[in-house]
């Protein structure tokens, strides 16, 4: 992504790109992906509905910036990997394998899309609607960060004035 940005800037292009950092999404890929896991594949919780991702992409298209974080789980993963990559590797080695599987055994003969598309319309939602979140507070905060910053500065000003008044 950084190389693409540099090339676009070098060429004087007016194209802007945004990296939309996605969380686990409730998409149908878990129903037809080729997997060698012993149990049925699933997104690692917390799981979000595809509409959350769509809203983030639409927002990024109209408000370009370097990155947009869609969920707090994404923020934790990215920052954790930057600060403690070795620990993240160790942690995922211990819990990541089982957290991406359900308790149901996988059917080794189910159709998959490794060599050819699985026929039919699979829609946008997977089988995890009951566990998936329809909203992301992190995305909302990221989309309204200007107003939140302004509100924070206003609150800091009020508290600072109150503190100064109290000290007198």
N, C-alpha and C. Protein backbone atom coordinates (compact mmCIF):
# COMPACT_ATOMS: atom_id res chain seq x y z
N UNK A 1 0.82 -1.18 0.00
CA UNK A 1 0.00 0.00 0.00
C UNK A 1 0.87 1.25 0.00
N UNK A 2 1.93 1.23 0.81
CA UNK A 2 2.82 2.39 0.84
C UNK A 2 3.51 2.60 -0.50
N UNK A 3 3.92 1.50 -1.15
CA UNK A 3 4.56 1.61 -2.46
C UNK A 3 3.59 2.19 -3.48
N UNK A 4 2.34 1.75 -3.45
CA UNK A 4 1.33 2.28 -4.36
C UNK A 4 1.13 3.77 -4.13
N UNK A 5 1.04 4.18 -2.88
CA UNK A 5 0.87 5.61 -2.58
C UNK A 5 2.05 6.41 -3.13
N UNK A 6 3.26 5.92 -2.92
CA UNK A 6 4.46 6.62 -3.41
C UNK A 6 4.44 6.74 -4.93
N UNK A 7 4.07 5.68 -5.61
CA UNK A 7 4.01 5.73 -7.08
C UNK A 7 2.97 6.72 -7.55
N UNK A 8 1.80 6.74 -6.91
CA UNK A 8 0.76 7.69 -7.29
C UNK A 8 1.21 9.12 -7.06
N UNK A 9 1.86 9.38 -5.93
CA UNK A 9 2.37 10.72 -5.65
C UNK A 9 3.45 11.11 -6.66
N UNK A 10 4.36 10.19 -6.94
CA UNK A 10 5.43 10.44 -7.91
C UNK A 10 4.89 10.80 -9.28
N UNK A 11 3.83 10.13 -9.68
CA UNK A 11 3.23 10.37 -11.00
C UNK A 11 2.32 11.59 -11.02
N UNK A 12 2.13 12.24 -9.87
CA UNK A 12 1.25 13.39 -9.81
C UNK A 12 -0.21 13.03 -9.96
N UNK A 13 -0.54 11.81 -9.64
CA UNK A 13 -1.92 11.34 -9.78
C UNK A 13 -2.81 11.95 -8.70
N UNK A 14 -4.05 12.10 -9.03
CA UNK A 14 -5.03 12.58 -8.05
C UNK A 14 -5.79 11.42 -7.42
N UNK A 15 -5.34 10.20 -7.67
CA UNK A 15 -5.97 9.01 -7.08
C UNK A 15 -5.50 8.90 -5.63
N UNK A 16 -6.45 8.68 -4.73
CA UNK A 16 -6.14 8.48 -3.32
C UNK A 16 -6.59 7.08 -2.93
N UNK A 17 -5.80 6.42 -2.10
CA UNK A 17 -6.15 5.08 -1.64
C UNK A 17 -6.23 5.06 -0.12
N UNK A 18 -7.17 4.27 0.37
CA UNK A 18 -7.35 4.09 1.81
C UNK A 18 -7.31 2.61 2.13
N UNK A 19 -6.52 2.24 3.11
CA UNK A 19 -6.50 0.86 3.59
C UNK A 19 -7.60 0.72 4.63
N UNK A 20 -8.62 -0.07 4.32
CA UNK A 20 -9.71 -0.31 5.24
C UNK A 20 -9.40 -1.60 5.99
N UNK A 21 -9.08 -1.45 7.27
CA UNK A 21 -8.67 -2.59 8.09
C UNK A 21 -9.92 -3.29 8.63
N UNK A 22 -10.18 -4.49 8.12
CA UNK A 22 -11.41 -5.22 8.42
C UNK A 22 -11.28 -6.16 9.62
N UNK A 23 -12.38 -6.33 10.34
CA UNK A 23 -12.46 -7.36 11.39
C UNK A 23 -12.96 -8.66 10.76
N UNK A 24 -13.28 -9.62 11.59
CA UNK A 24 -13.90 -10.86 11.12
C UNK A 24 -15.32 -10.54 10.64
N UNK A 25 -15.67 -11.04 9.47
CA UNK A 25 -16.97 -10.74 8.88
C UNK A 25 -17.79 -11.99 8.66
N UNK A 26 -19.08 -11.86 8.83
CA UNK A 26 -20.02 -12.96 8.63
C UNK A 26 -20.36 -13.07 7.14
N UNK A 27 -19.44 -13.63 6.39
CA UNK A 27 -19.65 -13.81 4.95
C UNK A 27 -19.77 -15.30 4.64
N UNK A 28 -20.30 -15.64 3.47
CA UNK A 28 -20.50 -17.06 3.15
C UNK A 28 -19.22 -17.83 2.86
N UNK A 29 -18.07 -17.16 2.84
CA UNK A 29 -16.83 -17.87 2.52
C UNK A 29 -16.57 -19.07 3.43
N UNK A 30 -17.06 -19.00 4.65
CA UNK A 30 -16.80 -20.10 5.58
C UNK A 30 -17.63 -21.34 5.25
N UNK A 31 -18.63 -21.17 4.40
CA UNK A 31 -19.45 -22.30 3.98
C UNK A 31 -18.90 -23.05 2.79
N UNK A 32 -18.01 -22.39 2.00
CA UNK A 32 -17.51 -23.09 0.82
C UNK A 32 -16.00 -23.03 0.63
N UNK A 33 -15.28 -22.47 1.60
CA UNK A 33 -13.83 -22.43 1.49
C UNK A 33 -13.25 -23.84 1.69
N UNK A 34 -12.20 -24.18 0.94
CA UNK A 34 -11.52 -25.47 1.13
C UNK A 34 -10.72 -25.38 2.41
N UNK A 35 -10.95 -26.32 3.29
CA UNK A 35 -10.30 -26.28 4.60
C UNK A 35 -9.85 -27.68 5.00
N UNK A 36 -8.72 -27.75 5.64
CA UNK A 36 -8.22 -29.01 6.18
C UNK A 36 -8.39 -29.06 7.70
N UNK A 37 -9.08 -28.07 8.25
CA UNK A 37 -9.32 -28.05 9.68
C UNK A 37 -10.24 -29.21 10.06
N UNK A 38 -10.08 -29.77 11.25
CA UNK A 38 -10.93 -30.90 11.65
C UNK A 38 -12.38 -30.50 11.93
N UNK A 39 -12.61 -29.23 12.24
CA UNK A 39 -13.95 -28.75 12.52
C UNK A 39 -14.33 -27.66 11.52
N UNK A 40 -15.60 -27.32 11.47
CA UNK A 40 -16.10 -26.33 10.53
C UNK A 40 -15.44 -24.97 10.79
N UNK A 41 -15.00 -24.32 9.71
CA UNK A 41 -14.35 -23.01 9.82
C UNK A 41 -15.35 -21.93 10.21
N UNK A 42 -14.84 -20.92 10.91
CA UNK A 42 -15.65 -19.77 11.28
C UNK A 42 -14.74 -18.55 11.39
N UNK A 43 -15.33 -17.35 11.33
CA UNK A 43 -14.52 -16.16 11.58
C UNK A 43 -14.19 -16.07 13.07
N UNK A 44 -13.02 -15.55 13.38
CA UNK A 44 -12.61 -15.42 14.77
C UNK A 44 -13.38 -14.26 15.40
N UNK A 45 -14.13 -14.53 16.47
CA UNK A 45 -14.94 -13.48 17.11
C UNK A 45 -14.07 -12.33 17.63
N UNK A 46 -14.61 -11.13 17.74
CA UNK A 46 -15.98 -10.75 17.44
C UNK A 46 -16.23 -10.67 15.94
N UNK A 47 -17.43 -11.04 15.55
CA UNK A 47 -17.83 -11.12 14.14
C UNK A 47 -18.76 -9.94 13.83
N UNK A 48 -18.58 -9.37 12.66
CA UNK A 48 -19.42 -8.24 12.23
C UNK A 48 -20.15 -8.60 10.94
N UNK A 49 -21.30 -7.99 10.74
CA UNK A 49 -22.08 -8.21 9.53
C UNK A 49 -21.38 -7.53 8.35
N UNK A 50 -21.59 -8.04 7.14
CA UNK A 50 -20.96 -7.44 5.96
C UNK A 50 -21.36 -5.99 5.73
N UNK A 51 -22.54 -5.59 6.21
CA UNK A 51 -22.97 -4.21 6.05
C UNK A 51 -22.06 -3.23 6.78
N UNK A 52 -21.44 -3.68 7.87
CA UNK A 52 -20.49 -2.83 8.59
C UNK A 52 -19.28 -2.55 7.69
N UNK A 53 -18.80 -3.59 7.03
CA UNK A 53 -17.67 -3.43 6.10
C UNK A 53 -18.07 -2.54 4.93
N UNK A 54 -19.28 -2.73 4.40
CA UNK A 54 -19.74 -1.92 3.28
C UNK A 54 -19.81 -0.44 3.66
N UNK A 55 -20.32 -0.15 4.86
CA UNK A 55 -20.39 1.24 5.32
C UNK A 55 -19.00 1.86 5.42
N UNK A 56 -18.04 1.08 5.89
CA UNK A 56 -16.67 1.57 6.00
C UNK A 56 -16.08 1.87 4.62
N UNK A 57 -16.33 0.99 3.66
CA UNK A 57 -15.79 1.19 2.31
C UNK A 57 -16.42 2.42 1.65
N UNK A 58 -17.72 2.58 1.80
CA UNK A 58 -18.39 3.76 1.24
C UNK A 58 -17.83 5.03 1.88
N UNK A 59 -17.66 5.00 3.20
CA UNK A 59 -17.10 6.17 3.89
C UNK A 59 -15.69 6.46 3.39
N UNK A 60 -14.86 5.44 3.25
CA UNK A 60 -13.49 5.62 2.77
C UNK A 60 -13.46 6.17 1.35
N UNK A 61 -14.41 5.77 0.52
CA UNK A 61 -14.46 6.27 -0.85
C UNK A 61 -14.78 7.77 -0.89
N UNK A 62 -15.57 8.24 0.07
CA UNK A 62 -15.96 9.65 0.09
C UNK A 62 -15.10 10.51 1.01
N UNK A 63 -14.34 9.88 1.91
CA UNK A 63 -13.48 10.60 2.85
C UNK A 63 -12.11 9.92 2.89
N UNK A 64 -11.31 10.07 1.84
CA UNK A 64 -10.05 9.32 1.78
C UNK A 64 -9.06 9.75 2.87
N UNK A 65 -8.38 8.77 3.38
CA UNK A 65 -7.26 8.95 4.31
C UNK A 65 -6.40 7.71 4.24
N UNK A 66 -5.33 7.65 4.98
CA UNK A 66 -4.42 6.51 4.88
C UNK A 66 -5.07 5.20 5.31
N UNK A 67 -5.72 5.21 6.48
CA UNK A 67 -6.31 3.98 7.00
C UNK A 67 -7.63 4.26 7.69
N UNK A 68 -8.46 3.24 7.71
CA UNK A 68 -9.73 3.30 8.43
C UNK A 68 -9.88 1.99 9.18
N UNK A 69 -10.01 2.07 10.50
CA UNK A 69 -10.15 0.89 11.34
C UNK A 69 -11.64 0.61 11.57
N UNK A 70 -12.09 -0.58 11.20
CA UNK A 70 -13.52 -0.88 11.21
C UNK A 70 -14.00 -1.37 12.57
N UNK A 71 -13.16 -1.98 13.36
CA UNK A 71 -13.58 -2.50 14.66
C UNK A 71 -12.43 -2.41 15.65
N UNK A 72 -12.78 -2.38 16.93
CA UNK A 72 -11.75 -2.30 17.97
C UNK A 72 -10.87 -3.55 17.96
N UNK A 73 -11.44 -4.69 17.59
CA UNK A 73 -10.62 -5.91 17.50
C UNK A 73 -9.51 -5.74 16.47
N UNK A 74 -9.79 -5.00 15.40
CA UNK A 74 -8.78 -4.72 14.38
C UNK A 74 -7.70 -3.81 14.95
N UNK A 75 -8.11 -2.79 15.68
CA UNK A 75 -7.16 -1.87 16.29
C UNK A 75 -6.23 -2.63 17.23
N UNK A 76 -6.82 -3.48 18.08
CA UNK A 76 -6.00 -4.27 19.02
C UNK A 76 -5.01 -5.16 18.27
N UNK A 77 -5.46 -5.80 17.22
CA UNK A 77 -4.58 -6.70 16.47
C UNK A 77 -3.43 -5.94 15.81
N UNK A 78 -3.71 -4.81 15.21
CA UNK A 78 -2.68 -4.04 14.50
C UNK A 78 -1.69 -3.43 15.49
N UNK A 79 -2.19 -2.79 16.52
CA UNK A 79 -1.29 -2.17 17.50
C UNK A 79 -0.53 -3.24 18.27
N UNK A 80 -1.23 -4.30 18.66
CA UNK A 80 -0.55 -5.39 19.37
C UNK A 80 0.56 -6.00 18.55
N UNK A 81 0.33 -6.16 17.26
CA UNK A 81 1.36 -6.74 16.39
C UNK A 81 2.54 -5.78 16.23
N UNK A 82 2.29 -4.48 16.26
CA UNK A 82 3.38 -3.51 16.15
C UNK A 82 4.20 -3.44 17.43
N UNK A 83 3.53 -3.56 18.58
CA UNK A 83 4.22 -3.41 19.86
C UNK A 83 4.81 -4.72 20.39
N UNK A 84 4.09 -5.82 20.17
CA UNK A 84 4.50 -7.10 20.74
C UNK A 84 4.28 -8.23 19.74
N UNK A 85 4.94 -8.16 18.61
CA UNK A 85 4.72 -9.14 17.54
C UNK A 85 5.01 -10.57 18.01
N UNK A 86 6.06 -10.76 18.75
CA UNK A 86 6.40 -12.09 19.24
C UNK A 86 5.34 -12.66 20.16
N UNK A 87 4.82 -11.82 21.04
CA UNK A 87 3.76 -12.26 21.94
C UNK A 87 2.50 -12.59 21.15
N UNK A 88 2.18 -11.76 20.16
CA UNK A 88 1.00 -12.02 19.33
C UNK A 88 1.12 -13.37 18.62
N UNK A 89 2.31 -13.68 18.11
CA UNK A 89 2.53 -14.97 17.46
C UNK A 89 2.32 -16.12 18.45
N UNK A 90 2.88 -15.98 19.63
CA UNK A 90 2.75 -17.02 20.66
C UNK A 90 1.28 -17.19 21.04
N UNK A 91 0.59 -16.07 21.26
CA UNK A 91 -0.82 -16.11 21.67
C UNK A 91 -1.67 -16.78 20.59
N UNK A 92 -1.49 -16.37 19.35
CA UNK A 92 -2.29 -16.95 18.27
C UNK A 92 -1.98 -18.43 18.06
N UNK A 93 -0.74 -18.82 18.29
CA UNK A 93 -0.40 -20.24 18.18
C UNK A 93 -1.15 -21.06 19.22
N UNK A 94 -1.41 -20.47 20.38
CA UNK A 94 -2.11 -21.17 21.45
C UNK A 94 -3.63 -21.16 21.28
N UNK A 95 -4.22 -20.03 20.85
CA UNK A 95 -5.68 -19.93 20.81
C UNK A 95 -6.24 -19.73 19.41
N UNK A 96 -5.43 -19.29 18.48
CA UNK A 96 -5.94 -18.95 17.14
C UNK A 96 -6.46 -20.15 16.37
N UNK A 97 -5.82 -21.30 16.51
CA UNK A 97 -6.22 -22.48 15.75
C UNK A 97 -7.63 -22.92 16.12
N UNK A 98 -7.92 -22.99 17.40
CA UNK A 98 -9.25 -23.43 17.83
C UNK A 98 -10.30 -22.33 17.69
N UNK A 99 -9.89 -21.06 17.79
CA UNK A 99 -10.88 -19.98 17.71
C UNK A 99 -11.41 -19.78 16.30
N UNK A 100 -10.76 -20.36 15.31
CA UNK A 100 -11.27 -20.24 13.94
C UNK A 100 -12.05 -21.49 13.51
N UNK A 101 -12.53 -22.25 14.51
CA UNK A 101 -13.33 -23.44 14.24
C UNK A 101 -14.52 -23.51 15.18
N UNK A 102 -15.61 -24.10 14.68
CA UNK A 102 -16.75 -24.38 15.54
C UNK A 102 -16.53 -25.74 16.19
N UNK A 103 -17.50 -26.20 16.98
CA UNK A 103 -17.40 -27.54 17.57
C UNK A 103 -17.90 -28.62 16.62
N UNK A 104 -18.54 -28.23 15.53
CA UNK A 104 -19.09 -29.20 14.57
C UNK A 104 -17.98 -29.77 13.69
N UNK A 105 -17.96 -31.08 13.50
CA UNK A 105 -16.93 -31.66 12.63
C UNK A 105 -17.12 -31.19 11.19
N UNK A 106 -16.02 -31.01 10.50
CA UNK A 106 -16.05 -30.57 9.11
C UNK A 106 -16.40 -31.75 8.20
N UNK A 107 -17.18 -31.48 7.17
CA UNK A 107 -17.50 -32.48 6.15
C UNK A 107 -16.44 -32.41 5.07
N UNK A 108 -15.56 -33.41 4.97
CA UNK A 108 -14.47 -33.35 3.99
C UNK A 108 -14.97 -33.40 2.54
N UNK A 109 -16.22 -33.79 2.32
CA UNK A 109 -16.75 -33.92 0.96
C UNK A 109 -17.66 -32.77 0.55
N UNK A 110 -17.77 -31.74 1.36
CA UNK A 110 -18.65 -30.64 0.99
C UNK A 110 -18.05 -29.88 -0.19
N UNK A 111 -18.90 -29.23 -0.99
CA UNK A 111 -18.38 -28.46 -2.12
C UNK A 111 -17.47 -27.34 -1.63
N UNK A 112 -16.44 -27.04 -2.40
CA UNK A 112 -15.55 -25.93 -2.05
C UNK A 112 -15.16 -25.19 -3.33
N UNK A 113 -14.57 -24.04 -3.16
CA UNK A 113 -14.24 -23.19 -4.29
C UNK A 113 -12.76 -23.18 -4.64
N UNK A 114 -12.02 -24.22 -4.25
CA UNK A 114 -10.59 -24.22 -4.52
C UNK A 114 -10.29 -24.30 -6.01
N UNK A 115 -10.96 -25.18 -6.72
CA UNK A 115 -10.66 -25.39 -8.14
C UNK A 115 -11.69 -24.75 -9.07
N UNK A 116 -12.88 -24.49 -8.56
CA UNK A 116 -13.93 -23.89 -9.38
C UNK A 116 -14.94 -23.23 -8.44
N UNK A 117 -15.68 -22.24 -8.94
CA UNK A 117 -16.70 -21.61 -8.09
C UNK A 117 -17.76 -22.60 -7.65
N UNK A 118 -18.26 -22.41 -6.45
CA UNK A 118 -19.38 -23.22 -5.97
C UNK A 118 -20.64 -22.63 -6.61
N UNK A 119 -21.44 -23.46 -7.30
CA UNK A 119 -22.61 -22.91 -7.98
C UNK A 119 -23.63 -22.32 -7.02
N UNK A 120 -24.39 -21.37 -7.53
CA UNK A 120 -25.47 -20.78 -6.75
C UNK A 120 -25.12 -19.40 -6.23
N UNK A 121 -26.15 -18.72 -5.77
CA UNK A 121 -26.00 -17.41 -5.17
C UNK A 121 -25.89 -17.60 -3.67
N UNK A 122 -24.79 -17.18 -3.09
CA UNK A 122 -24.55 -17.39 -1.67
C UNK A 122 -24.86 -16.15 -0.83
N UNK A 123 -25.30 -15.07 -1.48
CA UNK A 123 -25.65 -13.86 -0.75
C UNK A 123 -24.44 -13.22 -0.09
N UNK A 124 -24.69 -12.32 0.83
CA UNK A 124 -23.61 -11.60 1.52
C UNK A 124 -23.38 -12.12 2.93
N UNK A 125 -24.40 -12.76 3.52
CA UNK A 125 -24.30 -13.21 4.91
C UNK A 125 -23.93 -14.68 4.98
N UNK A 126 -23.11 -14.99 5.99
CA UNK A 126 -22.79 -16.37 6.27
C UNK A 126 -23.79 -16.95 7.27
N UNK A 127 -23.37 -17.99 7.94
CA UNK A 127 -24.25 -18.69 8.87
C UNK A 127 -24.12 -18.20 10.32
N UNK A 128 -23.45 -17.06 10.51
CA UNK A 128 -23.19 -16.59 11.87
C UNK A 128 -23.98 -15.33 12.23
N UNK A 129 -25.18 -15.18 11.65
CA UNK A 129 -26.01 -14.00 11.92
C UNK A 129 -26.29 -13.82 13.41
N UNK A 130 -26.52 -14.91 14.12
CA UNK A 130 -26.87 -14.82 15.54
C UNK A 130 -25.71 -14.26 16.37
N UNK A 131 -24.49 -14.44 15.91
CA UNK A 131 -23.32 -13.98 16.67
C UNK A 131 -22.72 -12.69 16.14
N UNK A 132 -23.16 -12.26 14.95
CA UNK A 132 -22.54 -11.11 14.29
C UNK A 132 -23.13 -9.79 14.77
N UNK A 133 -22.29 -8.81 14.87
CA UNK A 133 -22.70 -7.47 15.31
C UNK A 133 -23.06 -6.63 14.09
N UNK A 134 -24.13 -5.88 14.20
CA UNK A 134 -24.60 -5.05 13.09
C UNK A 134 -23.99 -3.66 13.11
N UNK A 135 -23.30 -3.30 14.19
CA UNK A 135 -22.72 -1.96 14.32
C UNK A 135 -21.34 -2.06 14.95
N UNK A 136 -20.51 -1.07 14.65
CA UNK A 136 -19.18 -0.99 15.24
C UNK A 136 -18.99 0.40 15.84
N UNK A 137 -18.82 0.46 17.15
CA UNK A 137 -18.57 1.73 17.82
C UNK A 137 -17.24 2.33 17.32
N UNK A 138 -16.25 1.49 17.08
CA UNK A 138 -14.96 1.96 16.57
C UNK A 138 -15.13 2.64 15.22
N UNK A 139 -15.90 2.03 14.32
CA UNK A 139 -16.12 2.62 13.01
C UNK A 139 -16.86 3.95 13.15
N UNK A 140 -17.90 3.98 14.00
CA UNK A 140 -18.64 5.22 14.21
C UNK A 140 -17.70 6.32 14.70
N UNK A 141 -16.86 5.99 15.68
CA UNK A 141 -15.92 6.97 16.23
C UNK A 141 -14.92 7.41 15.17
N UNK A 142 -14.44 6.48 14.35
CA UNK A 142 -13.49 6.81 13.29
C UNK A 142 -14.14 7.70 12.23
N UNK A 143 -15.40 7.44 11.92
CA UNK A 143 -16.11 8.23 10.92
C UNK A 143 -16.47 9.63 11.44
N UNK A 144 -16.52 9.79 12.75
CA UNK A 144 -16.87 11.08 13.35
C UNK A 144 -15.72 11.65 14.17
N UNK A 145 -14.51 11.31 13.82
CA UNK A 145 -13.36 11.70 14.64
C UNK A 145 -13.17 13.21 14.72
N UNK A 146 -13.54 13.94 13.69
CA UNK A 146 -13.42 15.39 13.73
C UNK A 146 -14.31 16.00 14.80
N UNK A 147 -15.57 15.58 14.82
CA UNK A 147 -16.50 16.08 15.82
C UNK A 147 -16.12 15.61 17.22
N UNK A 148 -15.64 14.39 17.32
CA UNK A 148 -15.23 13.89 18.64
C UNK A 148 -14.01 14.65 19.15
N UNK A 149 -13.10 14.98 18.26
CA UNK A 149 -11.93 15.78 18.66
C UNK A 149 -12.36 17.16 19.12
N UNK A 150 -13.26 17.76 18.37
CA UNK A 150 -13.77 19.08 18.74
C UNK A 150 -14.48 19.03 20.10
N UNK A 151 -15.30 18.00 20.31
CA UNK A 151 -15.99 17.84 21.60
C UNK A 151 -14.99 17.62 22.72
N UNK A 152 -13.96 16.84 22.48
CA UNK A 152 -12.92 16.61 23.48
C UNK A 152 -12.18 17.89 23.84
N UNK A 153 -11.87 18.70 22.83
CA UNK A 153 -11.20 19.98 23.09
C UNK A 153 -12.11 20.92 23.87
N UNK A 154 -13.39 20.92 23.51
CA UNK A 154 -14.35 21.75 24.25
C UNK A 154 -14.45 21.32 25.70
N UNK A 155 -14.53 20.02 25.92
CA UNK A 155 -14.62 19.50 27.29
C UNK A 155 -13.34 19.83 28.07
N UNK A 156 -12.20 19.68 27.41
CA UNK A 156 -10.92 20.01 28.08
C UNK A 156 -10.88 21.49 28.45
N UNK A 157 -11.40 22.35 27.58
CA UNK A 157 -11.43 23.79 27.86
C UNK A 157 -12.31 24.09 29.07
N UNK A 158 -13.48 23.48 29.10
CA UNK A 158 -14.41 23.69 30.22
C UNK A 158 -13.78 23.19 31.51
N UNK A 159 -13.20 22.01 31.48
CA UNK A 159 -12.57 21.46 32.69
C UNK A 159 -11.37 22.30 33.12
N UNK A 160 -10.60 22.78 32.13
CA UNK A 160 -9.45 23.64 32.45
C UNK A 160 -9.91 24.94 33.10
N UNK A 161 -10.96 25.54 32.56
CA UNK A 161 -11.49 26.78 33.13
C UNK A 161 -12.03 26.54 34.54
N UNK A 162 -12.73 25.42 34.72
CA UNK A 162 -13.27 25.09 36.04
C UNK A 162 -12.13 24.87 37.04
N UNK A 163 -11.07 24.20 36.61
CA UNK A 163 -9.92 23.95 37.48
C UNK A 163 -9.24 25.27 37.85
N UNK A 164 -9.08 26.15 36.86
CA UNK A 164 -8.46 27.46 37.12
C UNK A 164 -9.32 28.27 38.09
N UNK A 165 -10.63 28.22 37.91
CA UNK A 165 -11.55 28.93 38.80
C UNK A 165 -11.46 28.37 40.22
N UNK A 166 -11.38 27.05 40.30
CA UNK A 166 -11.27 26.38 41.61
C UNK A 166 -9.98 26.77 42.33
N UNK A 167 -8.90 26.91 41.60
CA UNK A 167 -7.60 27.23 42.20
C UNK A 167 -7.57 28.67 42.74
N UNK A 168 -8.37 29.55 42.13
CA UNK A 168 -8.40 30.94 42.60
C UNK A 168 -9.15 30.97 43.88
